Amino acid sequence: MHVYIKQTVTVCLFICLCLSCTSRRMEHVALQQAGYLMEEHPDSAFSLLKSLSSLVGMTSEDKAEYALLLAEAADKNGYSLLPCDSLLNFALHLYDENAKEHAIALLYKGKVQQERTMPML
């Protein structure tokens, strides 16, 4: 029994080591989870993204990804995109103009502008 536990632990450590060596960079776990939830549960993705206490410690790429995910989740849930405005500006400056993410940021930035010009009900 003791040998079986040692072998299991050794195999798990080996797998973790292999996965960590093949990864290009570690994406923020909450962003990954929000991405998985977005299609079927955008409300849960929005709640998860809003629950992040701070963006401090995130890479620039993760911050830009956060901006796009938050805008998408807000849009899918019918919430205002105005709070995403400065985050979208950050994403627009980070992504290359030919990148798909830049186009997505422009789409949501356009929706922010449209929301600003709408009369208040």
PDB file of N, CA and C in Angstrom:
ATOM      1  N   MET A   1       0.823  -1.191   0.000  1.00  0.00           N
ATOM      2  CA  MET A   1       0.000   0.000   0.000  1.00  0.00           C
ATOM      3  C   MET A   1       0.872   1.261   0.000  1.00  0.00           C
ATOM      4  N   HIS A   2       1.935   1.250   0.811  1.00  0.00           N
ATOM      5  CA  HIS A   2       2.839   2.383   0.912  1.00  0.00           C
ATOM      6  C   HIS A   2       3.541   2.634  -0.428  1.00  0.00           C
ATOM      7  N   VAL A   3       3.907   1.585  -1.124  1.00  0.00           N
ATOM      8  CA  VAL A   3       4.566   1.702  -2.425  1.00  0.00           C
ATOM      9  C   VAL A   3       3.606   2.299  -3.451  1.00  0.00           C
ATOM     10  N   TYR A   4       2.340   1.886  -3.400  1.00  0.00           N
ATOM     11  CA  TYR A   4       1.330   2.398  -4.319  1.00  0.00           C
ATOM     12  C   TYR A   4       1.159   3.913  -4.145  1.00  0.00           C
ATOM     13  N   ILE A   5       1.149   4.398  -2.936  1.00  0.00           N
ATOM     14  CA  ILE A   5       1.007   5.828  -2.662  1.00  0.00           C
ATOM     15  C   ILE A   5       2.225   6.589  -3.184  1.00  0.00           C
ATOM     16  N   LYS A   6       3.427   6.046  -2.966  1.00  0.00           N
ATOM     17  CA  LYS A   6       4.642   6.694  -3.455  1.00  0.00           C
ATOM     18  C   LYS A   6       4.632   6.780  -4.979  1.00  0.00           C
ATOM     19  N   GLN A   7       4.203   5.703  -5.636  1.00  0.00           N
ATOM     20  CA  GLN A   7       4.164   5.706  -7.090  1.00  0.00           C
ATOM     21  C   GLN A   7       3.146   6.724  -7.610  1.00  0.00           C
ATOM     22  N   THR A   8       2.007   6.794  -6.966  1.00  0.00           N
ATOM     23  CA  THR A   8       0.968   7.732  -7.379  1.00  0.00           C
ATOM     24  C   THR A   8       1.453   9.175  -7.235  1.00  0.00           C
ATOM     25  N   VAL A   9       2.085   9.472  -6.109  1.00  0.00           N
ATOM     26  CA  VAL A   9       2.610  10.818  -5.883  1.00  0.00           C
ATOM     27  C   VAL A   9       3.690  11.143  -6.910  1.00  0.00           C
ATOM     28  N   THR A  10       4.562  10.190  -7.194  1.00  0.00           N
ATOM     29  CA  THR A  10       5.632  10.397  -8.167  1.00  0.00           C
ATOM     30  C   THR A  10       5.055  10.676  -9.558  1.00  0.00           C
ATOM     31  N   VAL A  11       4.054   9.924  -9.969  1.00  0.00           N
ATOM     32  CA  VAL A  11       3.429  10.116 -11.274  1.00  0.00           C
ATOM     33  C   VAL A  11       2.761  11.493 -11.341  1.00  0.00           C
ATOM     34  N   CYS A  12       2.060  11.884 -10.269  1.00  0.00           N
ATOM     35  CA  CYS A  12       1.400  13.193 -10.242  1.00  0.00           C
ATOM     36  C   CYS A  12       2.418  14.323 -10.347  1.00  0.00           C
ATOM     37  N   LEU A  13       3.511  14.214  -9.634  1.00  0.00           N
ATOM     38  CA  LEU A  13       4.553  15.230  -9.698  1.00  0.00           C
ATOM     39  C   LEU A  13       5.175  15.303 -11.085  1.00  0.00           C
ATOM     40  N   PHE A  14       5.385  14.163 -11.693  1.00  0.00           N
ATOM     41  CA  PHE A  14       5.940  14.120 -13.038  1.00  0.00           C
ATOM     42  C   PHE A  14       5.002  14.797 -14.035  1.00  0.00           C
ATOM     43  N   ILE A  15       3.719  14.531 -13.933  1.00  0.00           N
ATOM     44  CA  ILE A  15       2.741  15.137 -14.833  1.00  0.00           C
ATOM     45  C   ILE A  15       2.710  16.656 -14.646  1.00  0.00           C
ATOM     46  N   CYS A  16       2.719  17.093 -13.388  1.00  0.00           N
ATOM     47  CA  CYS A  16       2.737  18.544 -13.112  1.00  0.00           C
ATOM     48  C   CYS A  16       3.984  19.193 -13.688  1.00  0.00           C
ATOM     49  N   LEU A  17       5.111  18.531 -13.555  1.00  0.00           N
ATOM     50  CA  LEU A  17       6.359  19.057 -14.085  1.00  0.00           C
ATOM     51  C   LEU A  17       6.298  19.174 -15.604  1.00  0.00           C
ATOM     52  N   CYS A  18       5.782  18.152 -16.250  1.00  0.00           N
ATOM     53  CA  CYS A  18       5.664  18.171 -17.708  1.00  0.00           C
ATOM     54  C   CYS A  18       4.728  19.278 -18.174  1.00  0.00           C
ATOM     55  N   LEU A  19       3.598  19.438 -17.502  1.00  0.00           N
ATOM     56  CA  LEU A  19       2.650  20.480 -17.893  1.00  0.00           C
ATOM     57  C   LEU A  19       3.220  21.868 -17.677  1.00  0.00           C
ATOM     58  N   SER A  20       3.954  22.054 -16.612  1.00  0.00           N
ATOM     59  CA  SER A  20       4.514  23.374 -16.352  1.00  0.00           C
ATOM     60  C   SER A  20       5.613  23.722 -17.354  1.00  0.00           C
ATOM     61  N   CYS A  21       6.295  22.733 -17.861  1.00  0.00           N
ATOM     62  CA  CYS A  21       7.361  22.990 -18.838  1.00  0.00           C
ATOM     63  C   CYS A  21       6.816  23.283 -20.228  1.00  0.00           C
ATOM     64  N   THR A  22       5.638  22.762 -20.554  1.00  0.00           N
ATOM     65  CA  THR A  22       5.092  22.953 -21.888  1.00  0.00           C
ATOM     66  C   THR A  22       4.259  24.213 -22.007  1.00  0.00           C
ATOM     67  N   SER A  23       3.848  24.789 -20.918  1.00  0.00           N
ATOM     68  CA  SER A  23       3.025  25.989 -20.945  1.00  0.00           C
ATOM     69  C   SER A  23       3.866  27.201 -21.326  1.00  0.00           C
ATOM     70  N   ARG A  24       3.345  28.029 -22.246  1.00  0.00           N
ATOM     71  CA  ARG A  24       4.067  29.241 -22.645  1.00  0.00           C
ATOM     72  C   ARG A  24       4.052  30.264 -21.519  1.00  0.00           C
ATOM     73  N   ARG A  25       2.891  30.481 -20.946  1.00  0.00           N
ATOM     74  CA  ARG A  25       2.770  31.382 -19.807  1.00  0.00           C
ATOM     75  C   ARG A  25       1.535  30.977 -19.024  1.00  0.00           C
ATOM     76  N   MET A  26       1.535  31.279 -17.775  1.00  0.00           N
ATOM     77  CA  MET A  26       0.418  30.902 -16.925  1.00  0.00           C
ATOM     78  C   MET A  26      -0.641  31.990 -16.984  1.00  0.00           C
ATOM     79  N   GLU A  27      -1.805  31.660 -17.498  1.00  0.00           N
ATOM     80  CA  GLU A  27      -2.903  32.598 -17.554  1.00  0.00           C
ATOM     81  C   GLU A  27      -3.566  32.643 -16.187  1.00  0.00           C
ATOM     82  N   HIS A  28      -4.078  33.779 -15.830  1.00  0.00           N
ATOM     83  CA  HIS A  28      -4.776  33.937 -14.563  1.00  0.00           C
ATOM     84  C   HIS A  28      -5.925  32.923 -14.513  1.00  0.00           C
ATOM     85  N   VAL A  29      -6.006  32.159 -13.457  1.00  0.00           N
ATOM     86  CA  VAL A  29      -6.967  31.061 -13.344  1.00  0.00           C
ATOM     87  C   VAL A  29      -8.406  31.556 -13.457  1.00  0.00           C
ATOM     88  N   ALA A  30      -8.720  32.663 -12.816  1.00  0.00           N
ATOM     89  CA  ALA A  30     -10.085  33.184 -12.865  1.00  0.00           C
ATOM     90  C   ALA A  30     -10.481  33.576 -14.288  1.00  0.00           C
ATOM     91  N   LEU A  31      -9.530  34.076 -15.062  1.00  0.00           N
ATOM     92  CA  LEU A  31      -9.823  34.431 -16.455  1.00  0.00           C
ATOM     93  C   LEU A  31     -10.115  33.185 -17.276  1.00  0.00           C
ATOM     94  N   GLN A  32      -9.353  32.150 -17.010  1.00  0.00           N
ATOM     95  CA  GLN A  32      -9.588  30.884 -17.705  1.00  0.00           C
ATOM     96  C   GLN A  32     -10.982  30.353 -17.385  1.00  0.00           C
ATOM     97  N   GLN A  33     -11.352  30.379 -16.118  1.00  0.00           N
ATOM     98  CA  GLN A  33     -12.668  29.895 -15.698  1.00  0.00           C
ATOM     99  C   GLN A  33     -13.782  30.739 -16.314  1.00  0.00           C
ATOM    100  N   ALA A  34     -13.593  32.052 -16.330  1.00  0.00           N
ATOM    101  CA  ALA A  34     -14.599  32.940 -16.915  1.00  0.00           C
ATOM    102  C   ALA A  34     -14.768  32.655 -18.406  1.00  0.00           C
ATOM    103  N   GLY A  35     -13.670  32.381 -19.076  1.00  0.00           N
ATOM    104  CA  GLY A  35     -13.742  32.039 -20.494  1.00  0.00           C
ATOM    105  C   GLY A  35     -14.544  30.773 -20.740  1.00  0.00           C
ATOM    106  N   TYR A  36     -14.373  29.779 -19.880  1.00  0.00           N
ATOM    107  CA  TYR A  36     -15.126  28.536 -20.008  1.00  0.00           C
ATOM    108  C   TYR A  36     -16.616  28.755 -19.727  1.00  0.00           C
ATOM    109  N   LEU A  37     -16.923  29.623 -18.787  1.00  0.00           N
ATOM    110  CA  LEU A  37     -18.310  29.859 -18.400  1.00  0.00           C
ATOM    111  C   LEU A  37     -19.068  30.757 -19.381  1.00  0.00           C
ATOM    112  N   MET A  38     -18.359  31.542 -20.155  1.00  0.00           N
ATOM    113  CA  MET A  38     -18.964  32.616 -20.933  1.00  0.00           C
ATOM    114  C   MET A  38     -20.108  32.168 -21.837  1.00  0.00           C
ATOM    115  N   GLU A  39     -19.966  31.090 -22.564  1.00  0.00           N
ATOM    116  CA  GLU A  39     -20.989  30.674 -23.524  1.00  0.00           C
ATOM    117  C   GLU A  39     -22.306  30.319 -22.863  1.00  0.00           C
ATOM    118  N   GLU A  40     -22.260  29.437 -21.886  1.00  0.00           N
ATOM    119  CA  GLU A  40     -23.494  28.918 -21.309  1.00  0.00           C
ATOM    120  C   GLU A  40     -23.934  29.641 -20.048  1.00  0.00           C
ATOM    121  N   HIS A  41     -23.012  30.274 -19.349  1.00  0.00           N
ATOM    122  CA  HIS A  41     -23.340  30.934 -18.085  1.00  0.00           C
ATOM    123  C   HIS A  41     -22.664  32.306 -17.994  1.00  0.00           C
ATOM    124  N   PRO A  42     -23.047  33.239 -18.871  1.00  0.00           N
ATOM    125  CA  PRO A  42     -22.391  34.548 -18.847  1.00  0.00           C
ATOM    126  C   PRO A  42     -22.614  35.296 -17.532  1.00  0.00           C
ATOM    127  N   ASP A  43     -23.718  35.006 -16.844  1.00  0.00           N
ATOM    128  CA  ASP A  43     -23.957  35.648 -15.557  1.00  0.00           C
ATOM    129  C   ASP A  43     -22.937  35.193 -14.516  1.00  0.00           C
ATOM    130  N   SER A  44     -22.591  33.922 -14.547  1.00  0.00           N
ATOM    131  CA  SER A  44     -21.573  33.401 -13.632  1.00  0.00           C
ATOM    132  C   SER A  44     -20.195  33.942 -13.992  1.00  0.00           C
ATOM    133  N   ALA A  45     -19.920  34.064 -15.287  1.00  0.00           N
ATOM    134  CA  ALA A  45     -18.637  34.619 -15.726  1.00  0.00           C
ATOM    135  C   ALA A  45     -18.522  36.069 -15.264  1.00  0.00           C
ATOM    136  N   PHE A  46     -19.614  36.836 -15.383  1.00  0.00           N
ATOM    137  CA  PHE A  46     -19.595  38.230 -14.950  1.00  0.00           C
ATOM    138  C   PHE A  46     -19.349  38.328 -13.447  1.00  0.00           C
ATOM    139  N   SER A  47     -20.038  37.497 -12.686  1.00  0.00           N
ATOM    140  CA  SER A  47     -19.856  37.503 -11.225  1.00  0.00           C
ATOM    141  C   SER A  47     -18.426  37.153 -10.848  1.00  0.00           C
ATOM    142  N   LEU A  48     -17.868  36.163 -11.518  1.00  0.00           N
ATOM    143  CA  LEU A  48     -16.487  35.752 -11.240  1.00  0.00           C
ATOM    144  C   LEU A  48     -15.512  36.888 -11.546  1.00  0.00           C
ATOM    145  N   LEU A  49     -15.688  37.540 -12.679  1.00  0.00           N
ATOM    146  CA  LEU A  49     -14.798  38.630 -13.057  1.00  0.00           C
ATOM    147  C   LEU A  49     -14.933  39.816 -12.106  1.00  0.00           C
ATOM    148  N   LYS A  50     -16.153  40.137 -11.701  1.00  0.00           N
ATOM    149  CA  LYS A  50     -16.363  41.253 -10.785  1.00  0.00           C
ATOM    150  C   LYS A  50     -15.847  40.944  -9.382  1.00  0.00           C
ATOM    151  N   SER A  51     -15.736  39.658  -9.060  1.00  0.00           N
ATOM    152  CA  SER A  51     -15.266  39.279  -7.721  1.00  0.00           C
ATOM    153  C   SER A  51     -13.752  39.427  -7.561  1.00  0.00           C
ATOM    154  N   LEU A  52     -13.045  39.597  -8.661  1.00  0.00           N
ATOM    155  CA  LEU A  52     -11.599  39.795  -8.554  1.00  0.00           C
ATOM    156  C   LEU A  52     -11.354  41.114  -7.823  1.00  0.00           C
ATOM    157  N   SER A  53     -10.639  41.038  -6.731  1.00  0.00           N
ATOM    158  CA  SER A  53     -10.463  42.222  -5.891  1.00  0.00           C
ATOM    159  C   SER A  53      -9.522  43.252  -6.505  1.00  0.00           C
ATOM    160  N   SER A  54      -8.587  42.795  -7.309  1.00  0.00           N
ATOM    161  CA  SER A  54      -7.604  43.719  -7.868  1.00  0.00           C
ATOM    162  C   SER A  54      -6.958  43.115  -9.099  1.00  0.00           C
ATOM    163  N   LEU A  55      -6.525  43.975  -9.979  1.00  0.00           N
ATOM    164  CA  LEU A  55      -5.797  43.518 -11.158  1.00  0.00           C
ATOM    165  C   LEU A  55      -4.288  43.592 -10.931  1.00  0.00           C
ATOM    166  N   VAL A  56      -3.912  44.036  -9.733  1.00  0.00           N
ATOM    167  CA  VAL A  56      -2.493  44.131  -9.386  1.00  0.00           C
ATOM    168  C   VAL A  56      -1.898  42.726  -9.403  1.00  0.00           C
ATOM    169  N   GLY A  57      -0.758  42.610 -10.019  1.00  0.00           N
ATOM    170  CA  GLY A  57      -0.091  41.317 -10.112  1.00  0.00           C
ATOM    171  C   GLY A  57      -0.386  40.576 -11.405  1.00  0.00           C
ATOM    172  N   MET A  58      -1.383  41.040 -12.154  1.00  0.00           N
ATOM    173  CA  MET A  58      -1.680  40.426 -13.450  1.00  0.00           C
ATOM    174  C   MET A  58      -0.710  40.974 -14.489  1.00  0.00           C
ATOM    175  N   THR A  59      -0.409  40.150 -15.471  1.00  0.00           N
ATOM    176  CA  THR A  59       0.399  40.618 -16.591  1.00  0.00           C
ATOM    177  C   THR A  59      -0.455  41.559 -17.444  1.00  0.00           C
ATOM    178  N   SER A  60       0.190  42.313 -18.298  1.00  0.00           N
ATOM    179  CA  SER A  60      -0.543  43.216 -19.197  1.00  0.00           C
ATOM    180  C   SER A  60      -1.502  42.432 -20.088  1.00  0.00           C
ATOM    181  N   GLU A  61      -1.065  41.274 -20.552  1.00  0.00           N
ATOM    182  CA  GLU A  61      -1.920  40.440 -21.403  1.00  0.00           C
ATOM    183  C   GLU A  61      -3.154  39.971 -20.642  1.00  0.00           C
ATOM    184  N   ASP A  62      -2.974  39.593 -19.368  1.00  0.00           N
ATOM    185  CA  ASP A  62      -4.113  39.155 -18.560  1.00  0.00           C
ATOM    186  C   ASP A  62      -5.076  40.310 -18.294  1.00  0.00           C
ATOM    187  N   LYS A  63      -4.551  41.496 -18.083  1.00  0.00           N
ATOM    188  CA  LYS A  63      -5.411  42.668 -17.866  1.00  0.00           C
ATOM    189  C   LYS A  63      -6.240  42.963 -19.109  1.00  0.00           C
ATOM    190  N   ALA A  64      -5.614  42.862 -20.273  1.00  0.00           N
ATOM    191  CA  ALA A  64      -6.335  43.094 -21.524  1.00  0.00           C
ATOM    192  C   ALA A  64      -7.390  42.009 -21.738  1.00  0.00           C
ATOM    193  N   GLU A  65      -7.041  40.773 -21.425  1.00  0.00           N
ATOM    194  CA  GLU A  65      -8.002  39.670 -21.537  1.00  0.00           C
ATOM    195  C   GLU A  65      -9.160  39.881 -20.567  1.00  0.00           C
ATOM    196  N   TYR A  66      -8.856  40.353 -19.368  1.00  0.00           N
ATOM    197  CA  TYR A  66      -9.891  40.673 -18.378  1.00  0.00           C
ATOM    198  C   TYR A  66     -10.847  41.714 -18.957  1.00  0.00           C
ATOM    199  N   ALA A  67     -10.304  42.744 -19.588  1.00  0.00           N
ATOM    200  CA  ALA A  67     -11.133  43.799 -20.171  1.00  0.00           C
ATOM    201  C   ALA A  67     -12.102  43.234 -21.202  1.00  0.00           C
ATOM    202  N   LEU A  68     -11.601  42.376 -22.080  1.00  0.00           N
ATOM    203  CA  LEU A  68     -12.457  41.803 -23.120  1.00  0.00           C
ATOM    204  C   LEU A  68     -13.514  40.874 -22.537  1.00  0.00           C
ATOM    205  N   LEU A  69     -13.112  40.048 -21.577  1.00  0.00           N
ATOM    206  CA  LEU A  69     -14.069  39.126 -20.956  1.00  0.00           C
ATOM    207  C   LEU A  69     -15.141  39.881 -20.176  1.00  0.00           C
ATOM    208  N   LEU A  70     -14.734  40.908 -19.428  1.00  0.00           N
ATOM    209  CA  LEU A  70     -15.702  41.680 -18.651  1.00  0.00           C
ATOM    210  C   LEU A  70     -16.694  42.389 -19.574  1.00  0.00           C
ATOM    211  N   ALA A  71     -16.202  42.966 -20.659  1.00  0.00           N
ATOM    212  CA  ALA A  71     -17.087  43.633 -21.617  1.00  0.00           C
ATOM    213  C   ALA A  71     -18.046  42.635 -22.255  1.00  0.00           C
ATOM    214  N   GLU A  72     -17.538  41.465 -22.625  1.00  0.00           N
ATOM    215  CA  GLU A  72     -18.395  40.443 -23.224  1.00  0.00           C
ATOM    216  C   GLU A  72     -19.462  39.981 -22.240  1.00  0.00           C
ATOM    217  N   ALA A  73     -19.061  39.727 -21.003  1.00  0.00           N
ATOM    218  CA  ALA A  73     -20.007  39.260 -19.990  1.00  0.00           C
ATOM    219  C   ALA A  73     -21.055  40.338 -19.698  1.00  0.00           C
ATOM    220  N   ALA A  74     -20.635  41.597 -19.588  1.00  0.00           N
ATOM    221  CA  ALA A  74     -21.580  42.691 -19.342  1.00  0.00           C
ATOM    222  C   ALA A  74     -22.560  42.803 -20.511  1.00  0.00           C
ATOM    223  N   ASP A  75     -22.051  42.710 -21.725  1.00  0.00           N
ATOM    224  CA  ASP A  75     -22.892  42.808 -22.917  1.00  0.00           C
ATOM    225  C   ASP A  75     -23.900  41.662 -22.984  1.00  0.00           C
ATOM    226  N   LYS A  76     -23.452  40.453 -22.735  1.00  0.00           N
ATOM    227  CA  LYS A  76     -24.345  39.293 -22.800  1.00  0.00           C
ATOM    228  C   LYS A  76     -25.417  39.326 -21.719  1.00  0.00           C
ATOM    229  N   ASN A  77     -25.124  39.987 -20.605  1.00  0.00           N
ATOM    230  CA  ASN A  77     -26.095  40.065 -19.515  1.00  0.00           C
ATOM    231  C   ASN A  77     -26.950  41.331 -19.575  1.00  0.00           C
ATOM    232  N   GLY A  78     -26.691  42.190 -20.558  1.00  0.00           N
ATOM    233  CA  GLY A  78     -27.476  43.408 -20.707  1.00  0.00           C
ATOM    234  C   GLY A  78     -27.083  44.518 -19.747  1.00  0.00           C
ATOM    235  N   TYR A  79     -25.880  44.443 -19.179  1.00  0.00           N
ATOM    236  CA  TYR A  79     -25.398  45.471 -18.259  1.00  0.00           C
ATOM    237  C   TYR A  79     -24.702  46.580 -19.040  1.00  0.00           C
ATOM    238  N   SER A  80     -24.540  47.690 -18.374  1.00  0.00           N
ATOM    239  CA  SER A  80     -23.851  48.829 -18.983  1.00  0.00           C
ATOM    240  C   SER A  80     -22.388  48.485 -19.255  1.00  0.00           C
ATOM    241  N   LEU A  81     -21.914  48.949 -20.393  1.00  0.00           N
ATOM    242  CA  LEU A  81     -20.501  48.768 -20.746  1.00  0.00           C
ATOM    243  C   LEU A  81     -19.646  49.971 -20.342  1.00  0.00           C
ATOM    244  N   LEU A  82     -20.267  51.014 -19.823  1.00  0.00           N
ATOM    245  CA  LEU A  82     -19.517  52.211 -19.449  1.00  0.00           C
ATOM    246  C   LEU A  82     -18.386  51.931 -18.453  1.00  0.00           C
ATOM    247  N   PRO A  83     -18.571  51.067 -17.452  1.00  0.00           N
ATOM    248  CA  PRO A  83     -17.460  50.789 -16.537  1.00  0.00           C
ATOM    249  C   PRO A  83     -16.265  50.094 -17.205  1.00  0.00           C
ATOM    250  N   CYS A  84     -16.468  49.553 -18.384  1.00  0.00           N
ATOM    251  CA  CYS A  84     -15.400  48.851 -19.105  1.00  0.00           C
ATOM    252  C   CYS A  84     -14.577  49.784 -19.988  1.00  0.00           C
ATOM    253  N   ASP A  85     -14.968  51.043 -20.091  1.00  0.00           N
ATOM    254  CA  ASP A  85     -14.368  51.967 -21.047  1.00  0.00           C
ATOM    255  C   ASP A  85     -12.849  52.069 -20.923  1.00  0.00           C
ATOM    256  N   SER A  86     -12.339  52.370 -19.738  1.00  0.00           N
ATOM    257  CA  SER A  86     -10.887  52.543 -19.592  1.00  0.00           C
ATOM    258  C   SER A  86     -10.151  51.216 -19.765  1.00  0.00           C
ATOM    259  N   LEU A  87     -10.777  50.117 -19.363  1.00  0.00           N
ATOM    260  CA  LEU A  87     -10.161  48.804 -19.575  1.00  0.00           C
ATOM    261  C   LEU A  87     -10.060  48.488 -21.062  1.00  0.00           C
ATOM    262  N   LEU A  88     -11.087  48.855 -21.807  1.00  0.00           N
ATOM    263  CA  LEU A  88     -11.056  48.631 -23.252  1.00  0.00           C
ATOM    264  C   LEU A  88      -9.983  49.491 -23.923  1.00  0.00           C
ATOM    265  N   ASN A  89      -9.789  50.712 -23.409  1.00  0.00           N
ATOM    266  CA  ASN A  89      -8.702  51.555 -23.934  1.00  0.00           C
ATOM    267  C   ASN A  89      -7.357  50.867 -23.738  1.00  0.00           C
ATOM    268  N   PHE A  90      -7.182  50.263 -22.568  1.00  0.00           N
ATOM    269  CA  PHE A  90      -5.945  49.539 -22.283  1.00  0.00           C
ATOM    270  C   PHE A  90      -5.755  48.397 -23.286  1.00  0.00           C
ATOM    271  N   ALA A  91      -6.818  47.625 -23.531  1.00  0.00           N
ATOM    272  CA  ALA A  91      -6.742  46.506 -24.474  1.00  0.00           C
ATOM    273  C   ALA A  91      -6.436  46.998 -25.884  1.00  0.00           C
ATOM    274  N   LEU A  92      -7.052  48.113 -26.280  1.00  0.00           N
ATOM    275  CA  LEU A  92      -6.805  48.656 -27.620  1.00  0.00           C
ATOM    276  C   LEU A  92      -5.344  49.050 -27.810  1.00  0.00           C
ATOM    277  N   HIS A  93      -4.724  49.563 -26.765  1.00  0.00           N
ATOM    278  CA  HIS A  93      -3.318  49.966 -26.861  1.00  0.00           C
ATOM    279  C   HIS A  93      -2.372  48.770 -26.801  1.00  0.00           C
ATOM    280  N   LEU A  94      -2.807  47.698 -26.160  1.00  0.00           N
ATOM    281  CA  LEU A  94      -1.930  46.535 -26.014  1.00  0.00           C
ATOM    282  C   LEU A  94      -1.904  45.662 -27.277  1.00  0.00           C
ATOM    283  N   TYR A  95      -3.080  45.417 -27.833  1.00  0.00           N
ATOM    284  CA  TYR A  95      -3.156  44.497 -28.971  1.00  0.00           C
ATOM    285  C   TYR A  95      -2.777  45.175 -30.276  1.00  0.00           C
ATOM    286  N   ASP A  96      -2.125  44.438 -31.129  1.00  0.00           N
ATOM    287  CA  ASP A  96      -1.770  44.900 -32.466  1.00  0.00           C
ATOM    288  C   ASP A  96      -3.051  45.139 -33.267  1.00  0.00           C
ATOM    289  N   GLU A  97      -3.025  46.108 -34.148  1.00  0.00           N
ATOM    290  CA  GLU A  97      -4.221  46.447 -34.928  1.00  0.00           C
ATOM    291  C   GLU A  97      -4.733  45.299 -35.787  1.00  0.00           C
ATOM    292  N   ASN A  98      -3.880  44.359 -36.116  1.00  0.00           N
ATOM    293  CA  ASN A  98      -4.295  43.224 -36.941  1.00  0.00           C
ATOM    294  C   ASN A  98      -4.778  42.040 -36.106  1.00  0.00           C
ATOM    295  N   ALA A  99      -4.720  42.143 -34.789  1.00  0.00           N
ATOM    296  CA  ALA A  99      -5.114  41.032 -33.921  1.00  0.00           C
ATOM    297  C   ALA A  99      -6.637  40.973 -33.776  1.00  0.00           C
ATOM    298  N   LYS A 100      -7.135  39.773 -33.656  1.00  0.00           N
ATOM    299  CA  LYS A 100      -8.570  39.555 -33.457  1.00  0.00           C
ATOM    300  C   LYS A 100      -9.051  40.263 -32.193  1.00  0.00           C
ATOM    301  N   GLU A 101      -8.231  40.228 -31.153  1.00  0.00           N
ATOM    302  CA  GLU A 101      -8.596  40.845 -29.878  1.00  0.00           C
ATOM    303  C   GLU A 101      -8.758  42.360 -30.014  1.00  0.00           C
ATOM    304  N   HIS A 102      -7.963  42.969 -30.889  1.00  0.00           N
ATOM    305  CA  HIS A 102      -8.082  44.408 -31.135  1.00  0.00           C
ATOM    306  C   HIS A 102      -9.447  44.713 -31.747  1.00  0.00           C
ATOM    307  N   ALA A 103      -9.869  43.884 -32.670  1.00  0.00           N
ATOM    308  CA  ALA A 103     -11.177  44.067 -33.303  1.00  0.00           C
ATOM    309  C   ALA A 103     -12.304  43.900 -32.287  1.00  0.00           C
ATOM    310  N   ILE A 104     -12.165  42.939 -31.392  1.00  0.00           N
ATOM    311  CA  ILE A 104     -13.183  42.727 -30.361  1.00  0.00           C
ATOM    312  C   ILE A 104     -13.244  43.936 -29.425  1.00  0.00           C
ATOM    313  N   ALA A 105     -12.078  44.450 -29.048  1.00  0.00           N
ATOM    314  CA  ALA A 105     -12.037  45.643 -28.191  1.00  0.00           C
ATOM    315  C   ALA A 105     -12.699  46.832 -28.899  1.00  0.00           C
ATOM    316  N   LEU A 106     -12.464  46.971 -30.199  1.00  0.00           N
ATOM    317  CA  LEU A 106     -13.108  48.050 -30.969  1.00  0.00           C
ATOM    318  C   LEU A 106     -14.622  47.888 -30.994  1.00  0.00           C
ATOM    319  N   LEU A 107     -15.082  46.660 -31.136  1.00  0.00           N
ATOM    320  CA  LEU A 107     -16.520  46.394 -31.135  1.00  0.00           C
ATOM    321  C   LEU A 107     -17.147  46.885 -29.836  1.00  0.00           C
ATOM    322  N   TYR A 108     -16.562  46.497 -28.707  1.00  0.00           N
ATOM    323  CA  TYR A 108     -17.128  46.899 -27.421  1.00  0.00           C
ATOM    324  C   TYR A 108     -16.931  48.391 -27.162  1.00  0.00           C
ATOM    325  N   LYS A 109     -15.851  48.959 -27.651  1.00  0.00           N
ATOM    326  CA  LYS A 109     -15.632  50.400 -27.523  1.00  0.00           C
ATOM    327  C   LYS A 109     -16.716  51.160 -28.289  1.00  0.00           C
ATOM    328  N   GLY A 110     -17.095  50.640 -29.448  1.00  0.00           N
ATOM    329  CA  GLY A 110     -18.191  51.232 -30.209  1.00  0.00           C
ATOM    330  C   GLY A 110     -19.508  51.153 -29.463  1.00  0.00           C
ATOM    331  N   LYS A 111     -19.731  50.045 -28.771  1.00  0.00           N
ATOM    332  CA  LYS A 111     -20.954  49.905 -27.986  1.00  0.00           C
ATOM    333  C   LYS A 111     -20.954  50.863 -26.799  1.00  0.00           C
ATOM    334  N   VAL A 112     -19.765  51.109 -26.233  1.00  0.00           N
ATOM    335  CA  VAL A 112     -19.655  52.092 -25.150  1.00  0.00           C
ATOM    336  C   VAL A 112     -20.040  53.465 -25.676  1.00  0.00           C
ATOM    337  N   GLN A 113     -19.514  53.840 -26.850  1.00  0.00           N
ATOM    338  CA  GLN A 113     -19.817  55.146 -27.447  1.00  0.00           C
ATOM    339  C   GLN A 113     -21.314  55.264 -27.750  1.00  0.00           C
ATOM    340  N   GLN A 114     -21.889  54.186 -28.242  1.00  0.00           N
ATOM    341  CA  GLN A 114     -23.317  54.187 -28.550  1.00  0.00           C
ATOM    342  C   GLN A 114     -24.130  54.354 -27.264  1.00  0.00           C
ATOM    343  N   GLU A 115     -23.712  53.707 -26.208  1.00  0.00           N
ATOM    344  CA  GLU A 115     -24.407  53.804 -24.930  1.00  0.00           C
ATOM    345  C   GLU A 115     -24.330  55.228 -24.370  1.00  0.00           C
ATOM    346  N   ARG A 116     -23.212  55.896 -24.599  1.00  0.00           N
ATOM    347  CA  ARG A 116     -23.042  57.281 -24.118  1.00  0.00           C
ATOM    348  C   ARG A 116     -23.996  58.242 -24.817  1.00  0.00           C
ATOM    349  N   THR A 117     -24.306  57.976 -26.067  1.00  0.00           N
ATOM    350  CA  THR A 117     -25.160  58.896 -26.835  1.00  0.00           C
ATOM    351  C   THR A 117     -26.638  58.595 -26.681  1.00  0.00           C
ATOM    352  N   MET A 118     -26.975  57.481 -26.034  1.00  0.00           N
ATOM    353  CA  MET A 118     -28.382  57.136 -25.848  1.00  0.00           C
ATOM    354  C   MET A 118     -28.996  58.025 -24.769  1.00  0.00           C
ATOM    355  N   PRO A 119     -30.216  58.497 -24.991  1.00  0.00           N
ATOM    356  CA  PRO A 119     -30.865  59.296 -23.964  1.00  0.00           C
ATOM    357  C   PRO A 119     -31.235  58.428 -22.751  1.00  0.00           C
ATOM    358  N   MET A 120     -31.152  59.028 -21.576  1.00  0.00           N
ATOM    359  CA  MET A 120     -31.504  58.325 -20.334  1.00  0.00           C
ATOM    360  C   MET A 120     -33.023  58.178 -20.274  1.00  0.00           C
ATOM    361  N   LEU A 121     -33.495  57.030 -19.872  1.00  0.00           N
ATOM    362  CA  LEU A 121     -34.949  56.803 -19.773  1.00  0.00           C
ATOM    363  C   LEU A 121     -35.464  57.167 -18.418  1.00  0.00           C
TER     364      LEU A 121
END
